[in-house]
Amino acid sequence: MRFEDLQLIQPLLRAVRQQGYTEPTPIQTQAIPHVLTGRDLIGLAQTGTGKTAAFALPILQRLIDADTRHGGKTRCFVQVLVLAPTRELASQISESFSAYGQHTQLRQTTIFGGVSQRPQVSELKRGVNIVVATPGRLLDLMNQGLIRLDRLEVLVLDEADRMLDMGFMPDIKRIIAGLPVRRQTLLFSATMPPDIEQLARTILVDPVQVAVAPESTTVEAIEQRVFFVEKGDKRKLLQHLLDDYNMH
């Protein structure tokens, strides 16, 4: 199968080609058609299976189609919210949206803690269509009245099981309580522990479920190694690995 077979529009196909993608991964093949039709979805997929493109590409297309119905003018309010467990993953997802949407007029920004909120608030004031956020900082901005999500159209929970493990579930439930009831919701997780199953039953409506790898298994393409080292030597070990180790 090719990306053209998934009925993606030319601006997205052009971006996909520029990223060097030739064929969609299994999670992309299964998820993209359902997301394009507006279905709620549960995706069971490990990191490294291409799941970001599985939701980013159809979301971008749906936003572009909606703008076309509104006379071709890009609407500038938060239409999509993606929640991720860490600032690193949030940044990666945001970069993917930028890469896939480079031939569109859609705007996106990333929100996470550990840095000043001022630049993030400035971006929100200028107007964005897509927000990728970690739960803690997003909830802070919501409590301060600095972000409006009352017109949100799509919610994505990425790596939901990791957010559960990191203790974000109370924040996530507070965030969801402040969102429109009528929306498309996508939940991606490597595993489905009981708390995630309960959350899915609560926030998704008649979801379709797709799965591409056994739960709780490492993606075959990733090789893992463990180095035992004293805490004080961690930085030196990292420098040694980056300088000398043959990693690809």
C-alpha atoms as a PDB file:
ATOM      1  CA  MET A   1       0.000   0.000   0.000  1.00  0.00           C
ATOM      2  CA  ARG A   2       1.073   3.581  -0.697  1.00  0.00           C
ATOM      3  CA  PHE A   3       0.206   6.795   1.124  1.00  0.00           C
ATOM      4  CA  GLU A   4      -1.773   7.805  -1.984  1.00  0.00           C
ATOM      5  CA  ASP A   5      -4.053   4.823  -1.339  1.00  0.00           C
ATOM      6  CA  LEU A   6      -5.047   6.340   2.023  1.00  0.00           C
ATOM      7  CA  GLN A   7      -6.771   9.258   0.253  1.00  0.00           C
ATOM      8  CA  LEU A   8      -4.427  11.881   1.673  1.00  0.00           C
ATOM      9  CA  ILE A   9      -4.385  15.253  -0.060  1.00  0.00           C
ATOM     10  CA  GLN A  10      -1.452  16.535  -2.091  1.00  0.00           C
ATOM     11  CA  PRO A  11       0.061  18.964   0.481  1.00  0.00           C
ATOM     12  CA  LEU A  12       0.381  16.072   2.942  1.00  0.00           C
ATOM     13  CA  LEU A  13       1.618  13.596   0.352  1.00  0.00           C
ATOM     14  CA  ARG A  14       4.275  16.109  -0.670  1.00  0.00           C
ATOM     15  CA  ALA A  15       5.393  16.506   2.945  1.00  0.00           C
ATOM     16  CA  VAL A  16       5.457  12.730   3.436  1.00  0.00           C
ATOM     17  CA  ARG A  17       7.698  12.314   0.404  1.00  0.00           C
ATOM     18  CA  GLN A  18      10.031  15.031   1.688  1.00  0.00           C
ATOM     19  CA  GLN A  19      10.328  13.101   4.949  1.00  0.00           C
ATOM     20  CA  GLY A  20      11.527  10.104   2.956  1.00  0.00           C
ATOM     21  CA  TYR A  21       8.470   7.954   3.653  1.00  0.00           C
ATOM     22  CA  THR A  22       7.518   5.521   0.899  1.00  0.00           C
ATOM     23  CA  GLU A  23       4.989   3.132   2.417  1.00  0.00           C
ATOM     24  CA  PRO A  24       2.721   3.571   5.461  1.00  0.00           C
ATOM     25  CA  THR A  25       3.414   1.472   8.535  1.00  0.00           C
ATOM     26  CA  PRO A  26       0.753  -0.978   9.788  1.00  0.00           C
ATOM     27  CA  ILE A  27      -0.581   1.449  12.425  1.00  0.00           C
ATOM     28  CA  GLN A  28      -0.836   4.179   9.787  1.00  0.00           C
ATOM     29  CA  THR A  29      -2.604   1.864   7.355  1.00  0.00           C
ATOM     30  CA  GLN A  30      -5.143   0.846   9.990  1.00  0.00           C
ATOM     31  CA  ALA A  31      -5.697   4.143  11.790  1.00  0.00           C
ATOM     32  CA  ILE A  32      -5.653   6.848   9.109  1.00  0.00           C
ATOM     33  CA  PRO A  33      -8.897   5.841   7.329  1.00  0.00           C
ATOM     34  CA  HIS A  34     -10.841   5.757  10.614  1.00  0.00           C
ATOM     35  CA  VAL A  35      -9.464   9.096  11.828  1.00  0.00           C
ATOM     36  CA  LEU A  36     -10.314  10.693   8.475  1.00  0.00           C
ATOM     37  CA  THR A  37     -13.966   9.697   8.926  1.00  0.00           C
ATOM     38  CA  GLY A  38     -14.094  11.269  12.394  1.00  0.00           C
ATOM     39  CA  ARG A  39     -14.273   8.027  14.386  1.00  0.00           C
ATOM     40  CA  ASP A  40     -13.014   7.822  17.953  1.00  0.00           C
ATOM     41  CA  LEU A  41     -10.096   5.415  18.067  1.00  0.00           C
ATOM     42  CA  ILE A  42      -8.011   3.296  20.432  1.00  0.00           C
ATOM     43  CA  GLY A  43      -4.571   2.545  19.018  1.00  0.00           C
ATOM     44  CA  LEU A  44      -2.394  -0.081  20.661  1.00  0.00           C
ATOM     45  CA  ALA A  45       1.096   0.649  19.382  1.00  0.00           C
ATOM     46  CA  GLN A  46       4.620   0.903  20.688  1.00  0.00           C
ATOM     47  CA  THR A  47       6.924   3.867  20.294  1.00  0.00           C
ATOM     48  CA  GLY A  48       8.702   3.598  16.965  1.00  0.00           C
ATOM     49  CA  THR A  49       5.773   2.171  14.977  1.00  0.00           C
ATOM     50  CA  GLY A  50       4.897   5.440  13.244  1.00  0.00           C
ATOM     51  CA  LYS A  51       1.874   6.232  15.374  1.00  0.00           C
ATOM     52  CA  THR A  52       2.467  10.007  15.378  1.00  0.00           C
ATOM     53  CA  ALA A  53       1.893  10.151  11.630  1.00  0.00           C
ATOM     54  CA  ALA A  54      -1.078   7.804  12.132  1.00  0.00           C
ATOM     55  CA  PHE A  55      -2.945  10.596  13.904  1.00  0.00           C
ATOM     56  CA  ALA A  56      -1.150  13.755  12.720  1.00  0.00           C
ATOM     57  CA  LEU A  57      -1.700  13.247   8.992  1.00  0.00           C
ATOM     58  CA  PRO A  58      -5.476  12.634   9.114  1.00  0.00           C
ATOM     59  CA  ILE A  59      -5.948  15.378  11.722  1.00  0.00           C
ATOM     60  CA  LEU A  60      -4.191  17.887   9.469  1.00  0.00           C
ATOM     61  CA  GLN A  61      -6.334  16.794   6.550  1.00  0.00           C
ATOM     62  CA  ARG A  62      -9.546  17.175   8.530  1.00  0.00           C
ATOM     63  CA  LEU A  63      -8.547  20.700   9.566  1.00  0.00           C
ATOM     64  CA  ILE A  64      -7.733  21.622   5.967  1.00  0.00           C
ATOM     65  CA  ASP A  65     -11.051  20.185   4.762  1.00  0.00           C
ATOM     66  CA  ALA A  66     -12.905  22.181   7.418  1.00  0.00           C
ATOM     67  CA  ASP A  67     -11.123  25.376   6.363  1.00  0.00           C
ATOM     68  CA  THR A  68     -12.119  24.682   2.765  1.00  0.00           C
ATOM     69  CA  ARG A  69     -15.750  24.453   3.835  1.00  0.00           C
ATOM     70  CA  HIS A  70     -15.317  27.847   5.515  1.00  0.00           C
ATOM     71  CA  GLY A  71     -14.182  29.523   2.326  1.00  0.00           C
ATOM     72  CA  GLY A  72     -10.543  28.465   2.395  1.00  0.00           C
ATOM     73  CA  LYS A  73      -9.586  30.775   5.253  1.00  0.00           C
ATOM     74  CA  THR A  74      -7.604  29.173   8.079  1.00  0.00           C
ATOM     75  CA  ARG A  75      -9.503  29.509  11.343  1.00  0.00           C
ATOM     76  CA  CYS A  76      -7.179  30.538  14.163  1.00  0.00           C
ATOM     77  CA  PHE A  77      -8.302  28.943  17.403  1.00  0.00           C
ATOM     78  CA  VAL A  78      -7.310  25.752  19.211  1.00  0.00           C
ATOM     79  CA  GLN A  79      -8.936  22.926  17.284  1.00  0.00           C
ATOM     80  CA  VAL A  80      -6.630  20.059  18.279  1.00  0.00           C
ATOM     81  CA  LEU A  81      -5.086  19.146  21.630  1.00  0.00           C
ATOM     82  CA  VAL A  82      -2.470  16.406  21.926  1.00  0.00           C
ATOM     83  CA  LEU A  83      -1.479  15.359  25.453  1.00  0.00           C
ATOM     84  CA  ALA A  84       1.886  13.618  25.942  1.00  0.00           C
ATOM     85  CA  PRO A  85       3.655  12.439  29.112  1.00  0.00           C
ATOM     86  CA  THR A  86       7.019  14.218  28.666  1.00  0.00           C
ATOM     87  CA  ARG A  87       8.357  17.424  27.194  1.00  0.00           C
ATOM     88  CA  GLU A  88      10.631  15.365  24.925  1.00  0.00           C
ATOM     89  CA  LEU A  89       7.731  13.451  23.400  1.00  0.00           C
ATOM     90  CA  ALA A  90       5.633  16.626  23.161  1.00  0.00           C
ATOM     91  CA  SER A  91       8.459  18.317  21.252  1.00  0.00           C
ATOM     92  CA  GLN A  92       8.811  15.337  18.900  1.00  0.00           C
ATOM     93  CA  ILE A  93       5.080  15.310  18.178  1.00  0.00           C
ATOM     94  CA  SER A  94       5.114  19.053  17.577  1.00  0.00           C
ATOM     95  CA  GLU A  95       8.025  18.709  15.163  1.00  0.00           C
ATOM     96  CA  SER A  96       6.100  16.029  13.288  1.00  0.00           C
ATOM     97  CA  PHE A  97       3.038  18.257  12.947  1.00  0.00           C
ATOM     98  CA  SER A  98       5.313  21.025  11.625  1.00  0.00           C
ATOM     99  CA  ALA A  99       6.948  18.683   9.116  1.00  0.00           C
ATOM    100  CA  TYR A 100       3.704  17.129   7.867  1.00  0.00           C
ATOM    101  CA  GLY A 101       1.909  20.484   7.784  1.00  0.00           C
ATOM    102  CA  GLN A 102       4.699  22.511   6.195  1.00  0.00           C
ATOM    103  CA  HIS A 103       2.663  23.091   3.015  1.00  0.00           C
ATOM    104  CA  THR A 104      -0.402  24.313   4.904  1.00  0.00           C
ATOM    105  CA  GLN A 105      -1.268  27.498   6.780  1.00  0.00           C
ATOM    106  CA  LEU A 106      -2.038  25.674  10.029  1.00  0.00           C
ATOM    107  CA  ARG A 107      -0.236  26.864  13.159  1.00  0.00           C
ATOM    108  CA  GLN A 108       0.820  24.805  16.169  1.00  0.00           C
ATOM    109  CA  THR A 109       2.708  25.253  19.419  1.00  0.00           C
ATOM    110  CA  THR A 110       4.136  23.154  22.237  1.00  0.00           C
ATOM    111  CA  ILE A 111       3.366  23.650  25.940  1.00  0.00           C
ATOM    112  CA  PHE A 112       5.379  22.052  28.734  1.00  0.00           C
ATOM    113  CA  GLY A 113       6.724  22.876  32.189  1.00  0.00           C
ATOM    114  CA  GLY A 114      10.236  23.531  33.414  1.00  0.00           C
ATOM    115  CA  VAL A 115      10.553  26.740  31.378  1.00  0.00           C
ATOM    116  CA  SER A 116       8.961  30.176  31.456  1.00  0.00           C
ATOM    117  CA  GLN A 117       5.347  30.128  30.350  1.00  0.00           C
ATOM    118  CA  ARG A 118       5.621  33.607  28.794  1.00  0.00           C
ATOM    119  CA  PRO A 119       6.698  32.526  25.271  1.00  0.00           C
ATOM    120  CA  GLN A 120       4.071  29.791  25.258  1.00  0.00           C
ATOM    121  CA  VAL A 121       1.337  32.250  26.242  1.00  0.00           C
ATOM    122  CA  SER A 122       2.530  34.657  23.537  1.00  0.00           C
ATOM    123  CA  GLU A 123       2.157  31.914  20.935  1.00  0.00           C
ATOM    124  CA  LEU A 124      -1.361  31.168  22.148  1.00  0.00           C
ATOM    125  CA  LYS A 125      -2.312  34.843  21.931  1.00  0.00           C
ATOM    126  CA  ARG A 126      -1.109  34.991  18.326  1.00  0.00           C
ATOM    127  CA  GLY A 127      -3.472  32.137  17.533  1.00  0.00           C
ATOM    128  CA  VAL A 128      -2.771  28.445  16.947  1.00  0.00           C
ATOM    129  CA  ASN A 129      -4.740  25.520  15.575  1.00  0.00           C
ATOM    130  CA  ILE A 130      -2.850  22.675  17.266  1.00  0.00           C
ATOM    131  CA  VAL A 131      -1.523  22.495  20.826  1.00  0.00           C
ATOM    132  CA  VAL A 132       0.795  19.683  21.922  1.00  0.00           C
ATOM    133  CA  ALA A 133       1.133  19.744  25.700  1.00  0.00           C
ATOM    134  CA  THR A 134       2.151  17.960  28.852  1.00  0.00           C
ATOM    135  CA  PRO A 135      -0.743  17.772  31.331  1.00  0.00           C
ATOM    136  CA  GLY A 136       0.743  19.773  34.231  1.00  0.00           C
ATOM    137  CA  ARG A 137       1.605  22.982  32.361  1.00  0.00           C
ATOM    138  CA  LEU A 138      -1.583  22.852  30.306  1.00  0.00           C
ATOM    139  CA  LEU A 139      -3.704  22.600  33.448  1.00  0.00           C
ATOM    140  CA  ASP A 140      -1.799  25.551  34.928  1.00  0.00           C
ATOM    141  CA  LEU A 141      -2.617  27.688  31.875  1.00  0.00           C
ATOM    142  CA  MET A 142      -6.244  26.580  31.936  1.00  0.00           C
ATOM    143  CA  ASN A 143      -6.538  27.527  35.615  1.00  0.00           C
ATOM    144  CA  GLN A 144      -5.054  30.953  34.816  1.00  0.00           C
ATOM    145  CA  GLY A 145      -7.519  31.474  31.983  1.00  0.00           C
ATOM    146  CA  LEU A 146      -4.676  31.762  29.461  1.00  0.00           C
ATOM    147  CA  ILE A 147      -5.884  29.149  26.974  1.00  0.00           C
ATOM    148  CA  ARG A 148      -9.329  28.586  25.490  1.00  0.00           C
ATOM    149  CA  LEU A 149     -10.361  25.072  24.569  1.00  0.00           C
ATOM    150  CA  ASP A 150     -14.110  25.592  24.282  1.00  0.00           C
ATOM    151  CA  ARG A 151     -14.039  25.104  20.487  1.00  0.00           C
ATOM    152  CA  LEU A 152     -11.780  22.056  20.512  1.00  0.00           C
ATOM    153  CA  GLU A 153     -12.554  19.489  17.818  1.00  0.00           C
ATOM    154  CA  VAL A 154      -9.997  16.712  18.381  1.00  0.00           C
ATOM    155  CA  LEU A 155      -8.318  15.352  21.534  1.00  0.00           C
ATOM    156  CA  VAL A 156      -5.378  12.942  21.338  1.00  0.00           C
ATOM    157  CA  LEU A 157      -3.969  11.107  24.354  1.00  0.00           C
ATOM    158  CA  ASP A 158      -0.572   9.722  23.359  1.00  0.00           C
ATOM    159  CA  GLU A 159       1.189   7.049  25.429  1.00  0.00           C
ATOM    160  CA  ALA A 160      -1.711   6.987  27.862  1.00  0.00           C
ATOM    161  CA  ASP A 161      -0.220   4.161  29.917  1.00  0.00           C
ATOM    162  CA  ARG A 162       2.942   6.210  30.538  1.00  0.00           C
ATOM    163  CA  MET A 163       0.852   9.156  31.671  1.00  0.00           C
ATOM    164  CA  LEU A 164      -0.907   6.818  34.083  1.00  0.00           C
ATOM    165  CA  ASP A 165       2.426   5.525  35.412  1.00  0.00           C
ATOM    166  CA  MET A 166       3.697   9.092  35.885  1.00  0.00           C
ATOM    167  CA  GLY A 167       0.661  10.085  37.951  1.00  0.00           C
ATOM    168  CA  PHE A 168      -0.951  12.415  35.405  1.00  0.00           C
ATOM    169  CA  MET A 169      -4.382  10.801  35.405  1.00  0.00           C
ATOM    170  CA  PRO A 170      -5.983  13.302  37.864  1.00  0.00           C
ATOM    171  CA  ASP A 171      -4.712  16.210  35.733  1.00  0.00           C
ATOM    172  CA  ILE A 172      -5.945  14.565  32.557  1.00  0.00           C
ATOM    173  CA  LYS A 173      -9.420  14.098  34.002  1.00  0.00           C
ATOM    174  CA  ARG A 174      -9.517  17.773  35.034  1.00  0.00           C
ATOM    175  CA  ILE A 175      -8.419  18.832  31.554  1.00  0.00           C
ATOM    176  CA  ILE A 176     -11.029  16.642  29.855  1.00  0.00           C
ATOM    177  CA  ALA A 177     -13.737  18.065  32.108  1.00  0.00           C
ATOM    178  CA  GLY A 178     -13.011  21.479  30.581  1.00  0.00           C
ATOM    179  CA  LEU A 179     -13.318  20.322  26.952  1.00  0.00           C
ATOM    180  CA  PRO A 180     -16.371  20.229  24.678  1.00  0.00           C
ATOM    181  CA  VAL A 181     -18.298  16.986  24.951  1.00  0.00           C
ATOM    182  CA  ARG A 182     -18.737  16.774  21.177  1.00  0.00           C
ATOM    183  CA  ARG A 183     -15.285  16.070  19.776  1.00  0.00           C
ATOM    184  CA  GLN A 184     -13.211  13.327  18.203  1.00  0.00           C
ATOM    185  CA  THR A 185     -11.025  11.505  20.737  1.00  0.00           C
ATOM    186  CA  LEU A 186      -8.013   9.329  19.919  1.00  0.00           C
ATOM    187  CA  LEU A 187      -6.218   7.287  22.578  1.00  0.00           C
ATOM    188  CA  PHE A 188      -2.869   5.652  21.895  1.00  0.00           C
ATOM    189  CA  SER A 189      -1.204   3.337  24.381  1.00  0.00           C
ATOM    190  CA  ALA A 190       1.293   0.490  24.374  1.00  0.00           C
ATOM    191  CA  THR A 191      -0.763  -1.396  26.969  1.00  0.00           C
ATOM    192  CA  MET A 192      -4.322  -1.280  28.281  1.00  0.00           C
ATOM    193  CA  PRO A 193      -4.243  -1.548  32.082  1.00  0.00           C
ATOM    194  CA  PRO A 194      -7.641  -1.397  33.831  1.00  0.00           C
ATOM    195  CA  ASP A 195      -7.421   2.352  34.577  1.00  0.00           C
ATOM    196  CA  ILE A 196      -6.821   3.144  30.895  1.00  0.00           C
ATOM    197  CA  GLU A 197      -9.693   0.857  29.872  1.00  0.00           C
ATOM    198  CA  GLN A 198     -11.952   2.708  32.296  1.00  0.00           C
ATOM    199  CA  LEU A 199     -10.805   6.077  30.957  1.00  0.00           C
ATOM    200  CA  ALA A 200     -11.426   4.937  27.389  1.00  0.00           C
ATOM    201  CA  ARG A 201     -14.969   3.838  28.244  1.00  0.00           C
ATOM    202  CA  THR A 202     -15.582   7.242  29.813  1.00  0.00           C
ATOM    203  CA  ILE A 203     -14.250   9.582  27.129  1.00  0.00           C
ATOM    204  CA  LEU A 204     -14.562   7.707  23.807  1.00  0.00           C
ATOM    205  CA  VAL A 205     -17.783   7.162  21.875  1.00  0.00           C
ATOM    206  CA  ASP A 206     -18.133   3.900  19.932  1.00  0.00           C
ATOM    207  CA  PRO A 207     -14.378   3.702  19.289  1.00  0.00           C
ATOM    208  CA  VAL A 208     -12.698   1.508  16.735  1.00  0.00           C
ATOM    209  CA  GLN A 209      -9.630  -0.339  18.052  1.00  0.00           C
ATOM    210  CA  VAL A 210      -6.487  -1.032  16.058  1.00  0.00           C
ATOM    211  CA  ALA A 211      -3.399  -2.901  17.245  1.00  0.00           C
ATOM    212  CA  VAL A 212      -0.106  -3.564  15.511  1.00  0.00           C
ATOM    213  CA  ALA A 213       2.132  -5.251  18.086  1.00  0.00           C
ATOM    214  CA  PRO A 214       1.726  -7.447  21.167  1.00  0.00           C
ATOM    215  CA  GLU A 215       1.196  -5.431  24.317  1.00  0.00           C
ATOM    216  CA  SER A 216       4.203  -4.773  26.567  1.00  0.00           C
ATOM    217  CA  THR A 217       6.777  -5.845  23.987  1.00  0.00           C
ATOM    218  CA  THR A 218       9.698  -3.817  22.709  1.00  0.00           C
ATOM    219  CA  VAL A 219       9.618  -2.743  19.104  1.00  0.00           C
ATOM    220  CA  GLU A 220      11.876  -5.120  17.195  1.00  0.00           C
ATOM    221  CA  ALA A 221      13.704  -2.247  15.506  1.00  0.00           C
ATOM    222  CA  ILE A 222      15.032  -0.940  18.837  1.00  0.00           C
ATOM    223  CA  GLU A 223      18.108  -2.438  20.496  1.00  0.00           C
ATOM    224  CA  GLN A 224      18.369  -1.792  24.239  1.00  0.00           C
ATOM    225  CA  ARG A 225      21.429  -2.004  26.487  1.00  0.00           C
ATOM    226  CA  VAL A 226      21.883  -1.282  30.179  1.00  0.00           C
ATOM    227  CA  PHE A 227      24.961   0.304  31.768  1.00  0.00           C
ATOM    228  CA  PHE A 228      25.369   0.099  35.544  1.00  0.00           C
ATOM    229  CA  VAL A 229      27.162   3.173  36.862  1.00  0.00           C
ATOM    230  CA  GLU A 230      27.346   5.234  40.045  1.00  0.00           C
ATOM    231  CA  LYS A 231      25.000   8.220  40.038  1.00  0.00           C
ATOM    232  CA  GLY A 232      27.864  10.706  40.101  1.00  0.00           C
ATOM    233  CA  ASP A 233      29.367   9.157  36.957  1.00  0.00           C
ATOM    234  CA  LYS A 234      26.223   9.268  34.805  1.00  0.00           C
ATOM    235  CA  ARG A 235      27.179  12.483  33.022  1.00  0.00           C
ATOM    236  CA  LYS A 236      30.707  11.188  32.281  1.00  0.00           C
ATOM    237  CA  LEU A 237      29.279   7.959  30.887  1.00  0.00           C
ATOM    238  CA  LEU A 238      26.886   9.882  28.677  1.00  0.00           C
ATOM    239  CA  GLN A 239      29.712  12.020  27.317  1.00  0.00           C
ATOM    240  CA  HIS A 240      31.788   8.886  26.684  1.00  0.00           C
ATOM    241  CA  LEU A 241      28.957   7.243  24.772  1.00  0.00           C
ATOM    242  CA  LEU A 242      28.312  10.320  22.674  1.00  0.00           C
ATOM    243  CA  ASP A 243      32.028  10.791  21.931  1.00  0.00           C
ATOM    244  CA  ASP A 244      33.218   7.246  21.337  1.00  0.00           C
ATOM    245  CA  TYR A 245      30.415   4.718  21.114  1.00  0.00           C
ATOM    246  CA  ASN A 246      29.337   3.553  17.679  1.00  0.00           C
ATOM    247  CA  MET A 247      25.619   4.294  18.001  1.00  0.00           C
ATOM    248  CA  HIS A 248      23.232   4.807  15.084  1.00  0.00           C
END
